[in-house]
PDB file of N, CA and C in Angstrom:
ATOM      1  N   MET A   1     129.930  81.258  71.962  1.00  0.00           N
ATOM      2  CA  MET A   1     130.185  80.124  71.198  1.00  0.00           C
ATOM      3  C   MET A   1     129.164  78.908  71.543  1.00  0.00           C
ATOM      4  N   GLY A   2     128.275  78.708  70.713  1.00  0.00           N
ATOM      5  CA  GLY A   2     127.254  77.765  70.915  1.00  0.00           C
ATOM      6  C   GLY A   2     127.524  76.364  70.554  1.00  0.00           C
ATOM      7  N   LEU A   3     126.757  75.416  70.821  1.00  0.00           N
ATOM      8  CA  LEU A   3     126.915  73.973  70.606  1.00  0.00           C
ATOM      9  C   LEU A   3     126.766  73.562  69.184  1.00  0.00           C
ATOM     10  N   SER A   4     127.560  72.698  68.731  1.00  0.00           N
ATOM     11  CA  SER A   4     127.351  72.149  67.406  1.00  0.00           C
ATOM     12  C   SER A   4     126.120  71.150  67.348  1.00  0.00           C
ATOM     13  N   ASP A   5     125.446  71.046  65.926  1.00  0.00           N
ATOM     14  CA  ASP A   5     124.425  70.162  66.040  1.00  0.00           C
ATOM     15  C   ASP A   5     124.816  68.730  66.653  1.00  0.00           C
ATOM     16  N   ARG A   6     125.856  68.258  66.258  1.00  0.00           N
ATOM     17  CA  ARG A   6     126.375  67.059  66.815  1.00  0.00           C
ATOM     18  C   ARG A   6     126.235  66.946  68.267  1.00  0.00           C
ATOM     19  N   GLU A   7     126.970  68.045  68.889  1.00  0.00           N
ATOM     20  CA  GLU A   7     126.785  67.958  70.194  1.00  0.00           C
ATOM     21  C   GLU A   7     125.522  68.214  70.960  1.00  0.00           C
ATOM     22  N   LYS A   8     124.601  69.052  70.279  1.00  0.00           N
ATOM     23  CA  LYS A   8     123.118  69.031  70.669  1.00  0.00           C
ATOM     24  C   LYS A   8     122.506  67.624  70.567  1.00  0.00           C
ATOM     25  N   GLU A   9     122.910  66.783  69.552  1.00  0.00           N
ATOM     26  CA  GLU A   9     122.259  65.591  69.443  1.00  0.00           C
ATOM     27  C   GLU A   9     122.610  64.562  70.610  1.00  0.00           C
ATOM     28  N   ALA A  10     124.013  64.762  70.746  1.00  0.00           N
ATOM     29  CA  ALA A  10     124.603  64.064  71.784  1.00  0.00           C
ATOM     30  C   ALA A  10     123.891  64.078  73.284  1.00  0.00           C
ATOM     31  N   PHE A  11     123.640  65.451  73.435  1.00  0.00           N
ATOM     32  CA  PHE A  11     123.169  65.961  74.738  1.00  0.00           C
ATOM     33  C   PHE A  11     121.682  65.619  74.911  1.00  0.00           C
ATOM     34  N   ALA A  12     120.892  65.664  73.773  1.00  0.00           N
ATOM     35  CA  ALA A  12     119.543  65.137  73.668  1.00  0.00           C
ATOM     36  C   ALA A  12     119.502  63.690  73.817  1.00  0.00           C
ATOM     37  N   GLU A  13     120.451  62.964  73.404  1.00  0.00           N
ATOM     38  CA  GLU A  13     120.429  61.387  73.610  1.00  0.00           C
ATOM     39  C   GLU A  13     120.669  61.079  74.901  1.00  0.00           C
ATOM     40  N   ILE A  14     121.569  61.867  75.489  1.00  0.00           N
ATOM     41  CA  ILE A  14     121.968  61.569  76.903  1.00  0.00           C
ATOM     42  C   ILE A  14     120.775  61.902  77.869  1.00  0.00           C
ATOM     43  N   GLU A  15     120.102  63.091  77.514  1.00  0.00           N
ATOM     44  CA  GLU A  15     118.834  63.276  78.217  1.00  0.00           C
ATOM     45  C   GLU A  15     117.892  62.326  78.057  1.00  0.00           C
ATOM     46  N   SER A  16     117.545  61.874  77.020  1.00  0.00           N
ATOM     47  CA  SER A  16     116.572  60.723  76.837  1.00  0.00           C
ATOM     48  C   SER A  16     116.889  59.569  77.527  1.00  0.00           C
ATOM     49  N   GLN A  17     118.114  59.127  77.535  1.00  0.00           N
ATOM     50  CA  GLN A  17     118.671  58.049  78.327  1.00  0.00           C
ATOM     51  C   GLN A  17     118.458  58.410  79.848  1.00  0.00           C
ATOM     52  N   LEU A  18     118.733  59.345  80.253  1.00  0.00           N
ATOM     53  CA  LEU A  18     118.691  59.636  81.628  1.00  0.00           C
ATOM     54  C   LEU A  18     117.133  59.713  82.316  1.00  0.00           C
ATOM     55  N   ILE A  19     116.280  60.255  81.288  1.00  0.00           N
ATOM     56  CA  ILE A  19     114.829  60.202  81.614  1.00  0.00           C
ATOM     57  C   ILE A  19     114.406  58.736  81.648  1.00  0.00           C
ATOM     58  N   SER A  20     114.929  57.954  80.613  1.00  0.00           N
ATOM     59  CA  SER A  20     114.182  56.607  80.766  1.00  0.00           C
ATOM     60  C   SER A  20     114.880  55.738  81.907  1.00  0.00           C
ATOM     61  N   ASP A  21     116.235  56.045  82.206  1.00  0.00           N
ATOM     62  CA  ASP A  21     116.828  55.207  83.343  1.00  0.00           C
ATOM     63  C   ASP A  21     116.368  55.699  84.683  1.00  0.00           C
ATOM     64  N   ASP A  22     116.351  56.790  84.896  1.00  0.00           N
ATOM     65  CA  ASP A  22     115.915  57.287  86.207  1.00  0.00           C
ATOM     66  C   ASP A  22     115.107  58.517  86.093  1.00  0.00           C
ATOM     67  N   PRO A  23     113.819  58.389  86.092  1.00  0.00           N
ATOM     68  CA  PRO A  23     112.918  59.530  85.784  1.00  0.00           C
ATOM     69  C   PRO A  23     112.856  60.467  87.042  1.00  0.00           C
ATOM     70  N   LYS A  24     113.014  59.965  88.183  1.00  0.00           N
ATOM     71  CA  LYS A  24     112.922  60.683  89.471  1.00  0.00           C
ATOM     72  C   LYS A  24     114.166  61.753  89.478  1.00  0.00           C
ATOM     73  N   PHE A  25     115.304  61.193  89.100  1.00  0.00           N
ATOM     74  CA  PHE A  25     116.361  62.019  89.194  1.00  0.00           C
ATOM     75  C   PHE A  25     116.420  63.080  88.079  1.00  0.00           C
ATOM     76  N   ALA A  26     116.003  62.644  86.846  1.00  0.00           N
ATOM     77  CA  ALA A  26     115.926  63.564  85.684  1.00  0.00           C
ATOM     78  C   ALA A  26     114.803  64.648  86.096  1.00  0.00           C
ATOM     79  N   SER A  27     113.836  64.360  86.817  1.00  0.00           N
ATOM     80  CA  SER A  27     112.833  65.467  87.087  1.00  0.00           C
ATOM     81  C   SER A  27     113.501  66.290  88.041  1.00  0.00           C
ATOM     82  N   GLN A  28     114.354  66.098  88.939  1.00  0.00           N
ATOM     83  CA  GLN A  28     114.947  66.852  89.841  1.00  0.00           C
ATOM     84  C   GLN A  28     116.069  67.626  89.369  1.00  0.00           C
ATOM     85  N   MET A  29     116.665  67.206  88.435  1.00  0.00           N
ATOM     86  CA  MET A  29     117.697  67.860  87.684  1.00  0.00           C
ATOM     87  C   MET A  29     117.226  68.816  86.603  1.00  0.00           C
ATOM     88  N   GLN A  30     116.043  68.616  86.049  1.00  0.00           N
ATOM     89  CA  GLN A  30     115.458  69.642  85.051  1.00  0.00           C
ATOM     90  C   GLN A  30     115.405  71.142  85.516  1.00  0.00           C
ATOM     91  N   MET A  31     115.839  72.025  84.706  1.00  0.00           N
ATOM     92  CA  MET A  31     115.739  73.520  85.161  1.00  0.00           C
ATOM     93  C   MET A  31     114.400  73.813  84.966  1.00  0.00           C
ATOM     94  N   GLY A  32     114.110  74.909  85.757  1.00  0.00           N
ATOM     95  CA  GLY A  32     112.863  75.667  85.492  1.00  0.00           C
ATOM     96  C   GLY A  32     111.684  74.814  86.137  1.00  0.00           C
ATOM     97  N   LYS A  33     111.799  73.674  86.840  1.00  0.00           N
ATOM     98  CA  LYS A  33     110.704  73.079  87.555  1.00  0.00           C
ATOM     99  C   LYS A  33     110.533  73.758  88.889  1.00  0.00           C
ATOM    100  N   LYS A  34     109.549  74.445  89.225  1.00  0.00           N
ATOM    101  CA  LYS A  34     109.518  75.177  90.430  1.00  0.00           C
ATOM    102  C   LYS A  34     109.175  74.142  91.451  1.00  0.00           C
ATOM    103  N   ASP A  35     108.388  73.030  91.434  1.00  0.00           N
ATOM    104  CA  ASP A  35     108.169  72.220  92.399  1.00  0.00           C
ATOM    105  C   ASP A  35     109.149  71.281  92.638  1.00  0.00           C
ATOM    106  N   SER A  36     110.279  71.095  91.858  1.00  0.00           N
ATOM    107  CA  SER A  36     111.464  70.302  92.168  1.00  0.00           C
ATOM    108  C   SER A  36     112.587  71.000  92.801  1.00  0.00           C
ATOM    109  N   ALA A  37     112.607  72.391  92.730  1.00  0.00           N
ATOM    110  CA  ALA A  37     113.733  73.129  93.222  1.00  0.00           C
ATOM    111  C   ALA A  37     113.547  73.236  94.707  1.00  0.00           C
ATOM    112  N   ARG A  38     114.615  72.782  95.388  1.00  0.00           N
ATOM    113  CA  ARG A  38     114.700  72.874  96.905  1.00  0.00           C
ATOM    114  C   ARG A  38     115.743  73.632  97.213  1.00  0.00           C
ATOM    115  N   ARG A  39     115.529  74.771  98.104  1.00  0.00           N
ATOM    116  CA  ARG A  39     116.140  75.788  98.374  1.00  0.00           C
ATOM    117  C   ARG A  39     116.373  75.926  99.947  1.00  0.00           C
ATOM    118  N   PHE A  40     117.553  76.444 100.296  1.00  0.00           N
ATOM    119  CA  PHE A  40     117.540  76.785 101.730  1.00  0.00           C
ATOM    120  C   PHE A  40     116.777  77.993 101.920  1.00  0.00           C
ATOM    121  N   SER A  41     116.009  78.432 103.150  1.00  0.00           N
ATOM    122  CA  SER A  41     115.345  79.372 103.344  1.00  0.00           C
ATOM    123  C   SER A  41     116.060  80.172 104.274  1.00  0.00           C
ATOM    124  N   THR A  42     116.195  81.448 104.061  1.00  0.00           N
ATOM    125  CA  THR A  42     116.928  82.480 104.795  1.00  0.00           C
ATOM    126  C   THR A  42     116.296  82.525 106.203  1.00  0.00           C
ATOM    127  N   ARG A  43     115.028  82.522 106.348  1.00  0.00           N
ATOM    128  CA  ARG A  43     114.332  82.730 107.619  1.00  0.00           C
ATOM    129  C   ARG A  43     114.608  81.579 108.470  1.00  0.00           C
ATOM    130  N   ASN A  44     114.569  80.126 107.838  1.00  0.00           N
ATOM    131  CA  ASN A  44     114.889  79.066 108.452  1.00  0.00           C
ATOM    132  C   ASN A  44     116.319  79.061 108.915  1.00  0.00           C
ATOM    133  N   ILE A  45     117.230  79.549 108.164  1.00  0.00           N
ATOM    134  CA  ILE A  45     118.659  79.583 108.691  1.00  0.00           C
ATOM    135  C   ILE A  45     118.696  80.403 109.955  1.00  0.00           C
ATOM    136  N   VAL A  46     118.208  81.678 109.796  1.00  0.00           N
ATOM    137  CA  VAL A  46     118.253  82.714 110.903  1.00  0.00           C
ATOM    138  C   VAL A  46     117.712  82.124 112.099  1.00  0.00           C
ATOM    139  N   LEU A  47     116.373  81.557 112.030  1.00  0.00           N
ATOM    140  CA  LEU A  47     115.776  80.996 113.131  1.00  0.00           C
ATOM    141  C   LEU A  47     116.466  79.845 113.689  1.00  0.00           C
ATOM    142  N   GLY A  48     116.910  78.847 113.055  1.00  0.00           N
ATOM    143  CA  GLY A  48     117.879  77.816 113.232  1.00  0.00           C
ATOM    144  C   GLY A  48     119.059  78.161 114.187  1.00  0.00           C
ATOM    145  N   VAL A  49     119.845  79.145 113.568  1.00  0.00           N
ATOM    146  CA  VAL A  49     120.986  79.611 114.261  1.00  0.00           C
ATOM    147  C   VAL A  49     120.559  80.308 115.734  1.00  0.00           C
ATOM    148  N   LEU A  50     119.538  81.032 115.737  1.00  0.00           N
ATOM    149  CA  LEU A  50     119.182  81.556 116.931  1.00  0.00           C
ATOM    150  C   LEU A  50     118.571  80.536 117.839  1.00  0.00           C
ATOM    151  N   MET A  51     118.072  79.641 117.454  1.00  0.00           N
ATOM    152  CA  MET A  51     117.455  78.457 118.364  1.00  0.00           C
ATOM    153  C   MET A  51     118.823  77.667 118.844  1.00  0.00           C
ATOM    154  N   ALA A  52     119.739  77.328 117.863  1.00  0.00           N
ATOM    155  CA  ALA A  52     120.915  76.564 118.262  1.00  0.00           C
ATOM    156  C   ALA A  52     121.768  77.310 119.292  1.00  0.00           C
ATOM    157  N   THR A  53     121.851  78.695 119.280  1.00  0.00           N
ATOM    158  CA  THR A  53     122.639  79.440 120.215  1.00  0.00           C
ATOM    159  C   THR A  53     121.806  79.410 121.547  1.00  0.00           C
ATOM    160  N   ALA A  54     120.621  79.621 121.450  1.00  0.00           N
ATOM    161  CA  ALA A  54     119.748  79.441 122.691  1.00  0.00           C
ATOM    162  C   ALA A  54     119.964  78.204 123.458  1.00  0.00           C
ATOM    163  N   GLY A  55     119.833  77.126 122.492  1.00  0.00           N
ATOM    164  CA  GLY A  55     120.168  75.814 123.133  1.00  0.00           C
ATOM    165  C   GLY A  55     121.369  75.612 123.764  1.00  0.00           C
ATOM    166  N   ILE A  56     122.515  76.228 123.176  1.00  0.00           N
ATOM    167  CA  ILE A  56     123.665  76.089 123.785  1.00  0.00           C
ATOM    168  C   ILE A  56     123.728  76.750 124.999  1.00  0.00           C
ATOM    169  N   ALA A  57     123.151  78.019 124.997  1.00  0.00           N
ATOM    170  CA  ALA A  57     123.074  78.788 126.355  1.00  0.00           C
ATOM    171  C   ALA A  57     122.350  77.833 127.423  1.00  0.00           C
ATOM    172  N   VAL A  58     121.252  77.414 127.105  1.00  0.00           N
ATOM    173  CA  VAL A  58     120.427  76.466 128.162  1.00  0.00           C
ATOM    174  C   VAL A  58     121.277  75.308 128.562  1.00  0.00           C
ATOM    175  N   LEU A  59     121.936  74.780 127.509  1.00  0.00           N
ATOM    176  CA  LEU A  59     122.672  73.357 127.902  1.00  0.00           C
ATOM    177  C   LEU A  59     123.843  73.896 128.720  1.00  0.00           C
ATOM    178  N   LEU A  60     124.455  74.878 128.629  1.00  0.00           N
ATOM    179  CA  LEU A  60     125.700  75.382 129.338  1.00  0.00           C
ATOM    180  C   LEU A  60     125.091  75.787 130.915  1.00  0.00           C
ATOM    181  N   THR A  61     123.996  76.372 130.956  1.00  0.00           N
ATOM    182  CA  THR A  61     123.346  76.796 132.100  1.00  0.00           C
ATOM    183  C   THR A  61     123.006  75.442 133.030  1.00  0.00           C
ATOM    184  N   GLY A  62     122.491  74.492 132.329  1.00  0.00           N
ATOM    185  CA  GLY A  62     122.217  73.251 132.782  1.00  0.00           C
ATOM    186  C   GLY A  62     123.300  72.592 133.478  1.00  0.00           C
ATOM    187  N   VAL A  63     124.400  72.617 132.745  1.00  0.00           N
ATOM    188  CA  VAL A  63     125.781  72.090 133.107  1.00  0.00           C
ATOM    189  C   VAL A  63     126.406  72.768 134.315  1.00  0.00           C
ATOM    190  N   THR A  64     126.311  74.047 134.214  1.00  0.00           N
ATOM    191  CA  THR A  64     126.860  74.790 135.379  1.00  0.00           C
ATOM    192  C   THR A  64     126.040  74.748 136.590  1.00  0.00           C
ATOM    193  N   ILE A  65     124.851  74.629 136.669  1.00  0.00           N
ATOM    194  CA  ILE A  65     123.957  74.633 137.924  1.00  0.00           C
ATOM    195  C   ILE A  65     123.650  73.197 138.286  1.00  0.00           C
ATOM    196  N   ASP A  66     124.290  72.203 137.338  1.00  0.00           N
ATOM    197  CA  ASP A  66     124.219  70.681 137.919  1.00  0.00           C
ATOM    198  C   ASP A  66     122.767  70.266 137.694  1.00  0.00           C
ATOM    199  N   ALA A  67     122.080  70.920 136.652  1.00  0.00           N
ATOM    200  CA  ALA A  67     120.696  70.381 136.376  1.00  0.00           C
ATOM    201  C   ALA A  67     120.628  69.617 135.155  1.00  0.00           C
ATOM    202  N   ILE A  68     120.715  68.437 135.163  1.00  0.00           N
ATOM    203  CA  ILE A  68     120.997  67.515 134.004  1.00  0.00           C
ATOM    204  C   ILE A  68     119.650  67.456 133.140  1.00  0.00           C
ATOM    205  N   TRP A  69     118.638  67.678 133.809  1.00  0.00           N
ATOM    206  CA  TRP A  69     117.383  67.928 132.875  1.00  0.00           C
ATOM    207  C   TRP A  69     117.434  69.069 132.059  1.00  0.00           C
ATOM    208  N   LEU A  70     117.930  70.215 132.692  1.00  0.00           N
ATOM    209  CA  LEU A  70     118.175  71.418 131.775  1.00  0.00           C
ATOM    210  C   LEU A  70     119.059  71.365 130.715  1.00  0.00           C
ATOM    211  N   GLY A  71     120.258  70.421 131.108  1.00  0.00           N
ATOM    212  CA  GLY A  71     121.096  70.260 129.909  1.00  0.00           C
ATOM    213  C   GLY A  71     120.391  69.480 128.768  1.00  0.00           C
ATOM    214  N   ILE A  72     119.771  68.505 129.075  1.00  0.00           N
ATOM    215  CA  ILE A  72     118.934  67.753 128.187  1.00  0.00           C
ATOM    216  C   ILE A  72     118.079  68.515 127.310  1.00  0.00           C
ATOM    217  N   VAL A  73     117.447  69.341 128.041  1.00  0.00           N
ATOM    218  CA  VAL A  73     116.460  70.296 127.263  1.00  0.00           C
ATOM    219  C   VAL A  73     117.100  71.343 126.265  1.00  0.00           C
ATOM    220  N   GLY A  74     118.499  71.751 126.787  1.00  0.00           N
ATOM    221  CA  GLY A  74     119.215  72.669 125.943  1.00  0.00           C
ATOM    222  C   GLY A  74     119.632  71.983 124.794  1.00  0.00           C
ATOM    223  N   PHE A  75     120.051  70.653 125.060  1.00  0.00           N
ATOM    224  CA  PHE A  75     120.600  69.719 123.788  1.00  0.00           C
ATOM    225  C   PHE A  75     119.498  69.620 122.805  1.00  0.00           C
ATOM    226  N   ILE A  76     118.341  69.309 123.251  1.00  0.00           N
ATOM    227  CA  ILE A  76     117.044  68.964 122.301  1.00  0.00           C
ATOM    228  C   ILE A  76     116.904  70.444 121.667  1.00  0.00           C
ATOM    229  N   ILE A  77     116.955  71.518 122.185  1.00  0.00           N
ATOM    230  CA  ILE A  77     116.729  72.967 121.584  1.00  0.00           C
ATOM    231  C   ILE A  77     117.764  73.191 120.588  1.00  0.00           C
ATOM    232  N   MET A  78     119.002  72.857 120.872  1.00  0.00           N
ATOM    233  CA  MET A  78     120.076  73.079 119.979  1.00  0.00           C
ATOM    234  C   MET A  78     119.889  72.016 118.835  1.00  0.00           C
ATOM    235  N   GLY A  79     119.555  70.982 118.980  1.00  0.00           N
ATOM    236  CA  GLY A  79     119.367  69.783 117.766  1.00  0.00           C
ATOM    237  C   GLY A  79     118.309  70.276 116.934  1.00  0.00           C
ATOM    238  N   GLY A  80     117.177  70.818 117.561  1.00  0.00           N
ATOM    239  CA  GLY A  80     115.972  71.455 116.865  1.00  0.00           C
ATOM    240  C   GLY A  80     116.399  72.650 115.986  1.00  0.00           C
ATOM    241  N   GLY A  81     117.220  73.502 116.452  1.00  0.00           N
ATOM    242  CA  GLY A  81     117.816  74.503 115.816  1.00  0.00           C
ATOM    243  C   GLY A  81     118.848  74.199 114.582  1.00  0.00           C
ATOM    244  N   ILE A  82     119.448  73.323 114.689  1.00  0.00           N
ATOM    245  CA  ILE A  82     120.322  72.643 113.642  1.00  0.00           C
ATOM    246  C   ILE A  82     119.634  72.075 112.526  1.00  0.00           C
ATOM    247  N   TYR A  83     118.738  71.348 113.081  1.00  0.00           N
ATOM    248  CA  TYR A  83     117.600  70.726 111.970  1.00  0.00           C
ATOM    249  C   TYR A  83     116.902  72.005 111.134  1.00  0.00           C
ATOM    250  N   LEU A  84     116.358  72.853 111.812  1.00  0.00           N
ATOM    251  CA  LEU A  84     115.674  73.856 111.205  1.00  0.00           C
ATOM    252  C   LEU A  84     116.418  74.569 110.383  1.00  0.00           C
ATOM    253  N   ALA A  85     117.737  74.818 110.797  1.00  0.00           N
ATOM    254  CA  ALA A  85     118.646  75.669 109.825  1.00  0.00           C
ATOM    255  C   ALA A  85     119.080  74.821 108.512  1.00  0.00           C
ATOM    256  N   SER A  86     119.193  73.635 108.733  1.00  0.00           N
ATOM    257  CA  SER A  86     119.522  72.740 107.514  1.00  0.00           C
ATOM    258  C   SER A  86     118.316  72.238 106.725  1.00  0.00           C
ATOM    259  N   LYS A  87     117.139  72.401 107.136  1.00  0.00           N
ATOM    260  CA  LYS A  87     115.983  72.243 106.296  1.00  0.00           C
ATOM    261  C   LYS A  87     115.834  72.804 105.080  1.00  0.00           C
ATOM    262  N   ARG A  88     115.531  72.188 103.951  1.00  0.00           N
ATOM    263  CA  ARG A  88     115.414  72.838 102.862  1.00  0.00           C
ATOM    264  C   ARG A  88     113.910  72.993 102.467  1.00  0.00           C
ATOM    265  N   THR A  89     113.279  73.920 101.691  1.00  0.00           N
ATOM    266  CA  THR A  89     112.063  74.073 101.504  1.00  0.00           C
ATOM    267  C   THR A  89     111.755  73.956  99.982  1.00  0.00           C
ATOM    268  N   THR A  90     110.536  73.472  99.645  1.00  0.00           N
ATOM    269  CA  THR A  90     110.121  73.155  98.036  1.00  0.00           C
ATOM    270  C   THR A  90     109.417  74.560  97.741  1.00  0.00           C
ATOM    271  N   LYS A  91     109.087  75.425  98.545  1.00  0.00           N
ATOM    272  CA  LYS A  91     108.428  76.519  98.147  1.00  0.00           C
ATOM    273  C   LYS A  91     109.254  77.538  97.460  1.00  0.00           C
ATOM    274  N   PRO A  92     108.758  77.951  96.241  1.00  0.00           N
ATOM    275  CA  PRO A  92     109.392  79.043  95.539  1.00  0.00           C
ATOM    276  C   PRO A  92     109.723  80.162  96.329  1.00  0.00           C
ATOM    277  N   PRO A  93     110.690  80.988  95.830  1.00  0.00           N
ATOM    278  CA  PRO A  93     110.992  82.294  96.857  1.00  0.00           C
ATOM    279  C   PRO A  93     110.032  83.229  96.244  1.00  0.00           C
ATOM    280  N   SER A  94     109.600  84.201  97.111  1.00  0.00           N
ATOM    281  CA  SER A  94     108.481  85.277  96.653  1.00  0.00           C
ATOM    282  C   SER A  94     109.153  86.253  95.643  1.00  0.00           C
ATOM    283  N   LYS A  95     108.054  86.870  94.944  1.00  0.00           N
ATOM    284  CA  LYS A  95     108.731  87.677  93.802  1.00  0.00           C
ATOM    285  C   LYS A  95     109.456  88.893  94.398  1.00  0.00           C
ATOM    286  N   SER A  96     108.914  89.530  95.687  1.00  0.00           N
ATOM    287  CA  SER A  96     109.665  90.623  96.153  1.00  0.00           C
ATOM    288  C   SER A  96     111.121  90.343  96.791  1.00  0.00           C
ATOM    289  N   GLY A  97     111.272  89.145  97.421  1.00  0.00           N
ATOM    290  CA  GLY A  97     112.374  88.742  97.984  1.00  0.00           C
ATOM    291  C   GLY A  97     113.006  87.563  97.392  1.00  0.00           C
ATOM    292  N   GLY A  98     113.491  86.634  97.977  1.00  0.00           N
ATOM    293  CA  GLY A  98     114.121  85.458  97.354  1.00  0.00           C
ATOM    294  C   GLY A  98     115.390  85.677  96.723  1.00  0.00           C
ATOM    295  N   ARG A  99     115.840  84.908  95.787  1.00  0.00           N
ATOM    296  CA  ARG A  99     117.032  84.808  95.091  1.00  0.00           C
ATOM    297  C   ARG A  99     117.146  86.111  94.125  1.00  0.00           C
ATOM    298  N   GLY A 100     117.887  86.859  94.283  1.00  0.00           N
ATOM    299  CA  GLY A 100     118.100  88.060  93.225  1.00  0.00           C
ATOM    300  C   GLY A 100     118.953  87.825  92.222  1.00  0.00           C
ATOM    301  N   GLY A 101     119.153  88.685  91.434  1.00  0.00           N
ATOM    302  CA  GLY A 101     120.186  88.496  90.335  1.00  0.00           C
ATOM    303  C   GLY A 101     119.771  88.682  89.105  1.00  0.00           C
ATOM    304  N   SER A 102     119.578  87.573  88.109  1.00  0.00           N
ATOM    305  CA  SER A 102     119.300  87.904  86.653  1.00  0.00           C
ATOM    306  C   SER A 102     117.709  87.851  86.518  1.00  0.00           C
ATOM    307  N   ALA A 103     117.442  88.552  85.668  1.00  0.00           N
ATOM    308  CA  ALA A 103     116.014  88.744  85.198  1.00  0.00           C
ATOM    309  C   ALA A 103     115.588  87.537  84.278  1.00  0.00           C
ATOM    310  N   SER A 104     116.555  86.614  83.879  1.00  0.00           N
ATOM    311  CA  SER A 104     116.373  85.710  82.941  1.00  0.00           C
ATOM    312  C   SER A 104     115.610  84.316  83.560  1.00  0.00           C
ATOM    313  N   ASN A 105     115.508  84.297  84.778  1.00  0.00           N
ATOM    314  CA  ASN A 105     114.904  83.279  85.556  1.00  0.00           C
ATOM    315  C   ASN A 105     113.506  82.857  84.999  1.00  0.00           C
ATOM    316  N   SER A 106     112.729  83.801  84.561  1.00  0.00           N
ATOM    317  CA  SER A 106     111.539  83.534  84.024  1.00  0.00           C
ATOM    318  C   SER A 106     111.538  83.072  82.745  1.00  0.00           C
ATOM    319  N   SER A 107     112.612  83.406  81.880  1.00  0.00           N
ATOM    320  CA  SER A 107     112.564  82.851  80.401  1.00  0.00           C
ATOM    321  C   SER A 107     113.180  81.441  80.469  1.00  0.00           C
ATOM    322  N   THR A 108     113.940  81.290  81.530  1.00  0.00           N
ATOM    323  CA  THR A 108     114.714  80.019  81.639  1.00  0.00           C
ATOM    324  C   THR A 108     113.583  78.910  81.896  1.00  0.00           C
ATOM    325  N   SER A 109     112.454  79.289  82.627  1.00  0.00           N
ATOM    326  CA  SER A 109     111.604  78.274  83.042  1.00  0.00           C
ATOM    327  C   SER A 109     110.730  77.618  81.700  1.00  0.00           C
ATOM    328  N   ASN A 110     110.854  78.225  80.673  1.00  0.00           N
ATOM    329  CA  ASN A 110     110.362  77.752  79.512  1.00  0.00           C
ATOM    330  C   ASN A 110     111.139  77.019  78.686  1.00  0.00           C
ATOM    331  N   GLN A 111     112.497  77.145  79.047  1.00  0.00           N
ATOM    332  CA  GLN A 111     113.486  76.355  78.058  1.00  0.00           C
ATOM    333  C   GLN A 111     113.627  74.837  78.567  1.00  0.00           C
ATOM    334  N   SER A 112     114.060  73.999  77.437  1.00  0.00           N
ATOM    335  CA  SER A 112     114.286  72.707  77.775  1.00  0.00           C
ATOM    336  C   SER A 112     115.623  72.524  78.490  1.00  0.00           C
ATOM    337  N   PHE A 113     115.777  71.310  78.839  1.00  0.00           N
ATOM    338  CA  PHE A 113     117.106  70.988  79.701  1.00  0.00           C
ATOM    339  C   PHE A 113     118.296  71.468  78.877  1.00  0.00           C
ATOM    340  N   ILE A 114     118.459  71.261  77.643  1.00  0.00           N
ATOM    341  CA  ILE A 114     119.578  71.404  76.712  1.00  0.00           C
ATOM    342  C   ILE A 114     119.624  72.756  76.687  1.00  0.00           C
ATOM    343  N   GLU A 115     118.627  73.601  76.264  1.00  0.00           N
ATOM    344  CA  GLU A 115     118.891  75.079  76.198  1.00  0.00           C
ATOM    345  C   GLU A 115     119.238  75.637  77.560  1.00  0.00           C
ATOM    346  N   GLY A 116     118.749  75.141  78.405  1.00  0.00           N
ATOM    347  CA  GLY A 116     119.112  75.837  80.013  1.00  0.00           C
ATOM    348  C   GLY A 116     120.776  75.508  80.083  1.00  0.00           C
ATOM    349  N   LEU A 117     121.181  74.202  79.601  1.00  0.00           N
ATOM    350  CA  LEU A 117     122.588  74.133  79.772  1.00  0.00           C
ATOM    351  C   LEU A 117     123.517  74.997  78.838  1.00  0.00           C
ATOM    352  N   GLU A 118     123.001  75.310  77.687  1.00  0.00           N
ATOM    353  CA  GLU A 118     123.482  76.185  76.571  1.00  0.00           C
ATOM    354  C   GLU A 118     123.608  77.577  77.124  1.00  0.00           C
ATOM    355  N   SER A 119     122.386  78.004  77.801  1.00  0.00           N
ATOM    356  CA  SER A 119     122.448  79.614  78.107  1.00  0.00           C
ATOM    357  C   SER A 119     123.442  79.512  79.363  1.00  0.00           C
ATOM    358  N   ARG A 120     123.547  78.516  80.221  1.00  0.00           N
ATOM    359  CA  ARG A 120     124.503  78.892  81.431  1.00  0.00           C
ATOM    360  C   ARG A 120     125.876  78.722  80.804  1.00  0.00           C
ATOM    361  N   TRP A 121     126.159  77.821  79.892  1.00  0.00           N
ATOM    362  CA  TRP A 121     127.600  77.708  79.303  1.00  0.00           C
ATOM    363  C   TRP A 121     127.913  78.941  78.638  1.00  0.00           C
ATOM    364  N   ASP A 122     127.017  79.734  77.899  1.00  0.00           N
ATOM    365  CA  ASP A 122     127.352  81.028  77.211  1.00  0.00           C
ATOM    366  C   ASP A 122     127.438  82.126  78.372  1.00  0.00           C
ATOM    367  N   GLU A 123     126.724  82.090  79.332  1.00  0.00           N
ATOM    368  CA  GLU A 123     126.904  83.070  80.326  1.00  0.00           C
ATOM    369  C   GLU A 123     128.143  83.110  81.149  1.00  0.00           C
ATOM    370  N   ARG A 124     128.591  81.698  81.441  1.00  0.00           N
ATOM    371  CA  ARG A 124     129.870  81.664  81.908  1.00  0.00           C
ATOM    372  C   ARG A 124     130.936  82.045  81.007  1.00  0.00           C
ATOM    373  N   ARG A 125     130.813  81.907  79.773  1.00  0.00           N
ATOM    374  CA  ARG A 125     131.964  82.176  78.880  1.00  0.00           C
ATOM    375  C   ARG A 125     131.895  83.694  78.881  1.00  0.00           C
ATOM    376  N   ARG A 126     130.874  84.467  78.927  1.00  0.00           N
ATOM    377  CA  ARG A 126     130.741  85.892  78.775  1.00  0.00           C
ATOM    378  C   ARG A 126     131.327  86.465  80.052  1.00  0.00           C
ATOM    379  N   HIS A 127     131.419  85.805  81.139  1.00  0.00           N
ATOM    380  CA  HIS A 127     131.811  86.502  82.466  1.00  0.00           C
ATOM    381  C   HIS A 127     133.411  86.166  82.637  1.00  0.00           C
ATOM    382  N   GLN A 128     133.883  85.608  81.730  1.00  0.00           N
ATOM    383  CA  GLN A 128     135.446  85.162  81.809  1.00  0.00           C
ATOM    384  C   GLN A 128     136.269  86.201  81.156  1.00  0.00           C
TER     385      GLN A 128
END
């Protein structure tokens, strides 16, 4: 069930107001913009978790042998791992890997904001 003409006009008006009021936020929220999409990188998450785990091991080793400097180094390594795991990337996922799923991602990149919302709404309704 698609949107009526009145609803489409209302969404278009809301979109134009959003773009005029806060263009930075509007550009971040537009679908299909590859440069504004910020995702978590699986590689960063895995490396960050491994680094945080190694940092905890070094921290506990430093506490166990009463080497404060080693505990501080372990804490810094652990903090760096957490930062790396939570860091987002603006780089789009590669064609071979990345986010799998629907093949409609390439067609969505050419749609406007409203058409993207409509397609997501229709997709959600189909899966219920």
